[in-house]
Amino acid sequence: MMNCPLCGGAAHTRSSYQVTSNTKERYNQCQNINCGCTFKSLETVSDIIMQPGIIKTVPPHPDRSQQGALWL
């Protein structure tokens, strides 16, 4: 969510377009009924704070026939 550049009210994204792998162009609309401004914005990845290490794959969950019962 962004704030409207005209009135400062909440503006919601109506659609978006992936410009590059790190940048998205968003089309926004102000939710203030007295304003209703529509505008474009750019969302860009500026930095990666933490990059995960090696991702280990896990087997899928068993189906119901292979699941054990819980005994209390």
PDB file of N, CA and C in Angstrom:
ATOM      1  N   MET A   1       0.843  -1.177   0.000  1.00  0.00           N
ATOM      2  CA  MET A   1       0.000   0.000   0.000  1.00  0.00           C
ATOM      3  C   MET A   1       0.887   1.238   0.000  1.00  0.00           C
ATOM      4  N   MET A   2       0.439   2.241  -0.695  1.00  0.00           N
ATOM      5  CA  MET A   2       1.128   3.530  -0.717  1.00  0.00           C
ATOM      6  C   MET A   2       0.153   4.601  -0.271  1.00  0.00           C
ATOM      7  N   ASN A   3       0.676   5.767   0.003  1.00  0.00           N
ATOM      8  CA  ASN A   3      -0.172   6.914   0.292  1.00  0.00           C
ATOM      9  C   ASN A   3      -0.351   7.730  -0.982  1.00  0.00           C
ATOM     10  N   CYS A   4      -1.513   8.313  -1.121  1.00  0.00           N
ATOM     11  CA  CYS A   4      -1.829   9.144  -2.283  1.00  0.00           C
ATOM     12  C   CYS A   4      -0.900  10.369  -2.291  1.00  0.00           C
ATOM     13  N   PRO A   5      -0.302  10.706  -3.444  1.00  0.00           N
ATOM     14  CA  PRO A   5       0.577  11.868  -3.501  1.00  0.00           C
ATOM     15  C   PRO A   5      -0.183  13.198  -3.400  1.00  0.00           C
ATOM     16  N   LEU A   6      -1.508  13.182  -3.594  1.00  0.00           N
ATOM     17  CA  LEU A   6      -2.291  14.417  -3.521  1.00  0.00           C
ATOM     18  C   LEU A   6      -2.895  14.663  -2.148  1.00  0.00           C
ATOM     19  N   CYS A   7      -3.602  13.673  -1.608  1.00  0.00           N
ATOM     20  CA  CYS A   7      -4.310  13.890  -0.347  1.00  0.00           C
ATOM     21  C   CYS A   7      -3.675  13.161   0.835  1.00  0.00           C
ATOM     22  N   GLY A   8      -2.770  12.217   0.588  1.00  0.00           N
ATOM     23  CA  GLY A   8      -2.124  11.469   1.664  1.00  0.00           C
ATOM     24  C   GLY A   8      -2.905  10.264   2.148  1.00  0.00           C
ATOM     25  N   GLY A   9      -4.074  10.010   1.559  1.00  0.00           N
ATOM     26  CA  GLY A   9      -4.888   8.859   1.941  1.00  0.00           C
ATOM     27  C   GLY A   9      -4.298   7.552   1.440  1.00  0.00           C
ATOM     28  N   ALA A  10      -4.868   6.445   1.889  1.00  0.00           N
ATOM     29  CA  ALA A  10      -4.407   5.123   1.476  1.00  0.00           C
ATOM     30  C   ALA A  10      -4.721   4.901   0.001  1.00  0.00           C
ATOM     31  N   ALA A  11      -3.754   4.368  -0.720  1.00  0.00           N
ATOM     32  CA  ALA A  11      -3.949   4.037  -2.130  1.00  0.00           C
ATOM     33  C   ALA A  11      -3.657   2.553  -2.319  1.00  0.00           C
ATOM     34  N   HIS A  12      -4.543   1.852  -2.996  1.00  0.00           N
ATOM     35  CA  HIS A  12      -4.382   0.422  -3.222  1.00  0.00           C
ATOM     36  C   HIS A  12      -3.917   0.161  -4.650  1.00  0.00           C
ATOM     37  N   THR A  13      -3.158  -0.918  -4.823  1.00  0.00           N
ATOM     38  CA  THR A  13      -2.688  -1.327  -6.143  1.00  0.00           C
ATOM     39  C   THR A  13      -3.832  -1.970  -6.908  1.00  0.00           C
ATOM     40  N   ARG A  14      -4.056  -1.518  -8.120  1.00  0.00           N
ATOM     41  CA  ARG A  14      -5.107  -2.077  -8.975  1.00  0.00           C
ATOM     42  C   ARG A  14      -4.540  -3.090  -9.963  1.00  0.00           C
ATOM     43  N   SER A  15      -3.320  -2.865 -10.432  1.00  0.00           N
ATOM     44  CA  SER A  15      -2.643  -3.815 -11.309  1.00  0.00           C
ATOM     45  C   SER A  15      -1.152  -3.512 -11.258  1.00  0.00           C
ATOM     46  N   SER A  16      -0.356  -4.421 -11.817  1.00  0.00           N
ATOM     47  CA  SER A  16       1.086  -4.209 -11.818  1.00  0.00           C
ATOM     48  C   SER A  16       1.696  -4.871 -13.036  1.00  0.00           C
ATOM     49  N   TYR A  17       2.925  -4.463 -13.341  1.00  0.00           N
ATOM     50  CA  TYR A  17       3.649  -4.965 -14.497  1.00  0.00           C
ATOM     51  C   TYR A  17       5.096  -5.188 -14.074  1.00  0.00           C
ATOM     52  N   GLN A  18       5.638  -6.380 -14.318  1.00  0.00           N
ATOM     53  CA  GLN A  18       7.018  -6.696 -13.966  1.00  0.00           C
ATOM     54  C   GLN A  18       7.935  -6.113 -15.037  1.00  0.00           C
ATOM     55  N   VAL A  19       8.637  -5.030 -14.714  1.00  0.00           N
ATOM     56  CA  VAL A  19       9.515  -4.339 -15.660  1.00  0.00           C
ATOM     57  C   VAL A  19      10.818  -5.103 -15.823  1.00  0.00           C
ATOM     58  N   THR A  20      11.485  -5.432 -14.707  1.00  0.00           N
ATOM     59  CA  THR A  20      12.686  -6.262 -14.692  1.00  0.00           C
ATOM     60  C   THR A  20      12.523  -7.269 -13.564  1.00  0.00           C
ATOM     61  N   SER A  21      13.525  -8.115 -13.370  1.00  0.00           N
ATOM     62  CA  SER A  21      13.430  -9.104 -12.285  1.00  0.00           C
ATOM     63  C   SER A  21      13.438  -8.438 -10.911  1.00  0.00           C
ATOM     64  N   ASN A  22      13.906  -7.192 -10.828  1.00  0.00           N
ATOM     65  CA  ASN A  22      13.965  -6.487  -9.548  1.00  0.00           C
ATOM     66  C   ASN A  22      13.045  -5.281  -9.453  1.00  0.00           C
ATOM     67  N   THR A  23      12.305  -4.968 -10.503  1.00  0.00           N
ATOM     68  CA  THR A  23      11.470  -3.765 -10.509  1.00  0.00           C
ATOM     69  C   THR A  23      10.067  -4.077 -11.015  1.00  0.00           C
ATOM     70  N   LYS A  24       9.080  -3.535 -10.302  1.00  0.00           N
ATOM     71  CA  LYS A  24       7.680  -3.710 -10.674  1.00  0.00           C
ATOM     72  C   LYS A  24       7.018  -2.335 -10.749  1.00  0.00           C
ATOM     73  N   GLU A  25       6.268  -2.109 -11.824  1.00  0.00           N
ATOM     74  CA  GLU A  25       5.501  -0.876 -11.970  1.00  0.00           C
ATOM     75  C   GLU A  25       4.073  -1.159 -11.498  1.00  0.00           C
ATOM     76  N   ARG A  26       3.581  -0.356 -10.581  1.00  0.00           N
ATOM     77  CA  ARG A  26       2.245  -0.564 -10.010  1.00  0.00           C
ATOM     78  C   ARG A  26       1.329   0.590 -10.390  1.00  0.00           C
ATOM     79  N   TYR A  27       0.087   0.245 -10.655  1.00  0.00           N
ATOM     80  CA  TYR A  27      -0.952   1.239 -10.923  1.00  0.00           C
ATOM     81  C   TYR A  27      -1.829   1.307  -9.687  1.00  0.00           C
ATOM     82  N   ASN A  28      -1.896   2.477  -9.071  1.00  0.00           N
ATOM     83  CA  ASN A  28      -2.545   2.653  -7.778  1.00  0.00           C
ATOM     84  C   ASN A  28      -3.757   3.578  -7.887  1.00  0.00           C
ATOM     85  N   GLN A  29      -4.686   3.414  -6.952  1.00  0.00           N
ATOM     86  CA  GLN A  29      -5.856   4.282  -6.881  1.00  0.00           C
ATOM     87  C   GLN A  29      -6.105   4.665  -5.436  1.00  0.00           C
ATOM     88  N   CYS A  30      -6.287   5.967  -5.206  1.00  0.00           N
ATOM     89  CA  CYS A  30      -6.572   6.492  -3.876  1.00  0.00           C
ATOM     90  C   CYS A  30      -7.946   5.999  -3.421  1.00  0.00           C
ATOM     91  N   GLN A  31      -8.036   5.587  -2.156  1.00  0.00           N
ATOM     92  CA  GLN A  31      -9.280   5.072  -1.607  1.00  0.00           C
ATOM     93  C   GLN A  31     -10.167   6.162  -1.018  1.00  0.00           C
ATOM     94  N   ASN A  32      -9.667   7.394  -0.948  1.00  0.00           N
ATOM     95  CA  ASN A  32     -10.452   8.530  -0.473  1.00  0.00           C
ATOM     96  C   ASN A  32     -11.470   8.877  -1.562  1.00  0.00           C
ATOM     97  N   ILE A  33     -12.767   8.750  -1.261  1.00  0.00           N
ATOM     98  CA  ILE A  33     -13.798   8.979  -2.287  1.00  0.00           C
ATOM     99  C   ILE A  33     -13.845  10.428  -2.754  1.00  0.00           C
ATOM    100  N   ASN A  34     -13.315  11.352  -1.970  1.00  0.00           N
ATOM    101  CA  ASN A  34     -13.266  12.751  -2.383  1.00  0.00           C
ATOM    102  C   ASN A  34     -12.060  13.054  -3.264  1.00  0.00           C
ATOM    103  N   CYS A  35     -11.147  12.105  -3.408  1.00  0.00           N
ATOM    104  CA  CYS A  35      -9.946  12.303  -4.222  1.00  0.00           C
ATOM    105  C   CYS A  35      -9.972  11.372  -5.435  1.00  0.00           C
ATOM    106  N   GLY A  36      -9.761  10.070  -5.210  1.00  0.00           N
ATOM    107  CA  GLY A  36      -9.812   9.088  -6.294  1.00  0.00           C
ATOM    108  C   GLY A  36      -8.660   9.169  -7.277  1.00  0.00           C
ATOM    109  N   CYS A  37      -7.566   9.813  -6.904  1.00  0.00           N
ATOM    110  CA  CYS A  37      -6.395   9.953  -7.780  1.00  0.00           C
ATOM    111  C   CYS A  37      -5.886   8.579  -8.210  1.00  0.00           C
ATOM    112  N   THR A  38      -5.509   8.426  -9.473  1.00  0.00           N
ATOM    113  CA  THR A  38      -4.829   7.225  -9.942  1.00  0.00           C
ATOM    114  C   THR A  38      -3.420   7.628 -10.360  1.00  0.00           C
ATOM    115  N   PHE A  39      -2.447   6.784 -10.022  1.00  0.00           N
ATOM    116  CA  PHE A  39      -1.052   7.108 -10.309  1.00  0.00           C
ATOM    117  C   PHE A  39      -0.227   5.836 -10.435  1.00  0.00           C
ATOM    118  N   LYS A  40       0.953   5.953 -11.033  1.00  0.00           N
ATOM    119  CA  LYS A  40       1.877   4.842 -11.180  1.00  0.00           C
ATOM    120  C   LYS A  40       2.998   4.992 -10.159  1.00  0.00           C
ATOM    121  N   SER A  41       3.544   3.855  -9.722  1.00  0.00           N
ATOM    122  CA  SER A  41       4.693   3.857  -8.827  1.00  0.00           C
ATOM    123  C   SER A  41       5.618   2.718  -9.234  1.00  0.00           C
ATOM    124  N   LEU A  42       6.878   2.826  -8.834  1.00  0.00           N
ATOM    125  CA  LEU A  42       7.857   1.777  -9.097  1.00  0.00           C
ATOM    126  C   LEU A  42       8.304   1.171  -7.783  1.00  0.00           C
ATOM    127  N   GLU A  43       8.315  -0.152  -7.723  1.00  0.00           N
ATOM    128  CA  GLU A  43       8.808  -0.872  -6.552  1.00  0.00           C
ATOM    129  C   GLU A  43      10.070  -1.606  -6.989  1.00  0.00           C
ATOM    130  N   THR A  44      11.182  -1.331  -6.316  1.00  0.00           N
ATOM    131  CA  THR A  44      12.463  -1.904  -6.697  1.00  0.00           C
ATOM    132  C   THR A  44      13.148  -2.538  -5.501  1.00  0.00           C
ATOM    133  N   VAL A  45      13.741  -3.697  -5.717  1.00  0.00           N
ATOM    134  CA  VAL A  45      14.557  -4.327  -4.682  1.00  0.00           C
ATOM    135  C   VAL A  45      15.840  -3.505  -4.596  1.00  0.00           C
ATOM    136  N   SER A  46      16.106  -2.940  -3.420  1.00  0.00           N
ATOM    137  CA  SER A  46      17.291  -2.094  -3.275  1.00  0.00           C
ATOM    138  C   SER A  46      18.477  -2.857  -2.689  1.00  0.00           C
ATOM    139  N   ASP A  47      18.215  -3.885  -1.887  1.00  0.00           N
ATOM    140  CA  ASP A  47      19.298  -4.638  -1.269  1.00  0.00           C
ATOM    141  C   ASP A  47      18.750  -5.952  -0.733  1.00  0.00           C
ATOM    142  N   ILE A  48      19.565  -6.982  -0.740  1.00  0.00           N
ATOM    143  CA  ILE A  48      19.205  -8.263  -0.118  1.00  0.00           C
ATOM    144  C   ILE A  48      19.845  -8.272   1.257  1.00  0.00           C
ATOM    145  N   ILE A  49      19.016  -8.370   2.280  1.00  0.00           N
ATOM    146  CA  ILE A  49      19.507  -8.295   3.655  1.00  0.00           C
ATOM    147  C   ILE A  49      20.129  -9.616   4.087  1.00  0.00           C
ATOM    148  N   MET A  50      19.483 -10.722   3.787  1.00  0.00           N
ATOM    149  CA  MET A  50      19.994 -12.031   4.152  1.00  0.00           C
ATOM    150  C   MET A  50      19.662 -12.992   3.034  1.00  0.00           C
ATOM    151  N   GLN A  51      20.681 -13.663   2.521  1.00  0.00           N
ATOM    152  CA  GLN A  51      20.473 -14.639   1.456  1.00  0.00           C
ATOM    153  C   GLN A  51      20.568 -16.027   2.058  1.00  0.00           C
ATOM    154  N   PRO A  52      19.558 -16.867   1.817  1.00  0.00           N
ATOM    155  CA  PRO A  52      19.597 -18.207   2.413  1.00  0.00           C
ATOM    156  C   PRO A  52      20.739 -19.038   1.828  1.00  0.00           C
ATOM    157  N   GLY A  53      21.193 -19.992   2.630  1.00  0.00           N
ATOM    158  CA  GLY A  53      22.253 -20.896   2.180  1.00  0.00           C
ATOM    159  C   GLY A  53      21.680 -21.946   1.238  1.00  0.00           C
ATOM    160  N   ILE A  54      22.231 -23.119   1.301  1.00  0.00           N
ATOM    161  CA  ILE A  54      21.761 -24.209   0.449  1.00  0.00           C
ATOM    162  C   ILE A  54      20.364 -24.620   0.907  1.00  0.00           C
ATOM    163  N   ILE A  55      19.459 -24.668  -0.029  1.00  0.00           N
ATOM    164  CA  ILE A  55      18.085 -25.055   0.282  1.00  0.00           C
ATOM    165  C   ILE A  55      17.964 -26.562   0.100  1.00  0.00           C
ATOM    166  N   LYS A  56      17.623 -27.240   1.184  1.00  0.00           N
ATOM    167  CA  LYS A  56      17.476 -28.695   1.140  1.00  0.00           C
ATOM    168  C   LYS A  56      16.040 -29.041   0.780  1.00  0.00           C
ATOM    169  N   THR A  57      15.884 -29.882  -0.203  1.00  0.00           N
ATOM    170  CA  THR A  57      14.537 -30.315  -0.571  1.00  0.00           C
ATOM    171  C   THR A  57      14.048 -31.341   0.438  1.00  0.00           C
ATOM    172  N   VAL A  58      12.758 -31.378   0.641  1.00  0.00           N
ATOM    173  CA  VAL A  58      12.155 -32.337   1.563  1.00  0.00           C
ATOM    174  C   VAL A  58      11.155 -33.185   0.791  1.00  0.00           C
ATOM    175  N   PRO A  59      10.962 -34.433   1.230  1.00  0.00           N
ATOM    176  CA  PRO A  59       9.985 -35.280   0.542  1.00  0.00           C
ATOM    177  C   PRO A  59       8.566 -34.755   0.795  1.00  0.00           C
ATOM    178  N   PRO A  60       7.646 -35.028  -0.117  1.00  0.00           N
ATOM    179  CA  PRO A  60       6.268 -34.574   0.088  1.00  0.00           C
ATOM    180  C   PRO A  60       5.621 -35.293   1.271  1.00  0.00           C
ATOM    181  N   HIS A  61       4.576 -34.685   1.814  1.00  0.00           N
ATOM    182  CA  HIS A  61       3.834 -35.299   2.913  1.00  0.00           C
ATOM    183  C   HIS A  61       3.205 -36.604   2.436  1.00  0.00           C
ATOM    184  N   PRO A  62       3.136 -37.600   3.309  1.00  0.00           N
ATOM    185  CA  PRO A  62       2.486 -38.848   2.911  1.00  0.00           C
ATOM    186  C   PRO A  62       0.979 -38.644   2.741  1.00  0.00           C
ATOM    187  N   ASP A  63       0.383 -39.457   1.892  1.00  0.00           N
ATOM    188  CA  ASP A  63      -1.076 -39.357   1.762  1.00  0.00           C
ATOM    189  C   ASP A  63      -1.733 -40.045   2.951  1.00  0.00           C
ATOM    190  N   ARG A  64      -3.033 -39.944   3.058  1.00  0.00           N
ATOM    191  CA  ARG A  64      -3.753 -40.449   4.241  1.00  0.00           C
ATOM    192  C   ARG A  64      -3.522 -41.941   4.495  1.00  0.00           C
ATOM    193  N   SER A  65      -3.332 -42.745   3.453  1.00  0.00           N
ATOM    194  CA  SER A  65      -3.180 -44.184   3.652  1.00  0.00           C
ATOM    195  C   SER A  65      -1.831 -44.522   4.291  1.00  0.00           C
ATOM    196  N   GLN A  66      -0.848 -43.630   4.182  1.00  0.00           N
ATOM    197  CA  GLN A  66       0.477 -43.904   4.740  1.00  0.00           C
ATOM    198  C   GLN A  66       0.723 -43.167   6.060  1.00  0.00           C
ATOM    199  N   GLN A  67      -0.255 -42.423   6.520  1.00  0.00           N
ATOM    200  CA  GLN A  67      -0.086 -41.669   7.755  1.00  0.00           C
ATOM    201  C   GLN A  67      -0.367 -42.546   8.964  1.00  0.00           C
ATOM    202  N   GLY A  68       0.459 -42.409   9.984  1.00  0.00           N
ATOM    203  CA  GLY A  68       0.229 -43.143  11.219  1.00  0.00           C
ATOM    204  C   GLY A  68      -0.840 -42.469  12.068  1.00  0.00           C
ATOM    205  N   ALA A  69      -1.493 -43.238  12.918  1.00  0.00           N
ATOM    206  CA  ALA A  69      -2.522 -42.693  13.794  1.00  0.00           C
ATOM    207  C   ALA A  69      -1.871 -42.104  15.049  1.00  0.00           C
ATOM    208  N   LEU A  70      -2.504 -41.124  15.623  1.00  0.00           N
ATOM    209  CA  LEU A  70      -2.041 -40.549  16.889  1.00  0.00           C
ATOM    210  C   LEU A  70      -2.723 -41.303  18.027  1.00  0.00           C
ATOM    211  N   TRP A  71      -1.923 -41.835  18.924  1.00  0.00           N
ATOM    212  CA  TRP A  71      -2.472 -42.565  20.073  1.00  0.00           C
ATOM    213  C   TRP A  71      -2.297 -41.719  21.303  1.00  0.00           C
ATOM    214  N   LEU A  72      -3.375 -41.521  22.027  1.00  0.00           N
ATOM    215  CA  LEU A  72      -3.326 -40.731  23.257  1.00  0.00           C
ATOM    216  C   LEU A  72      -3.202 -41.591  24.472  1.00  0.00           C
TER     217      LEU A  72
END
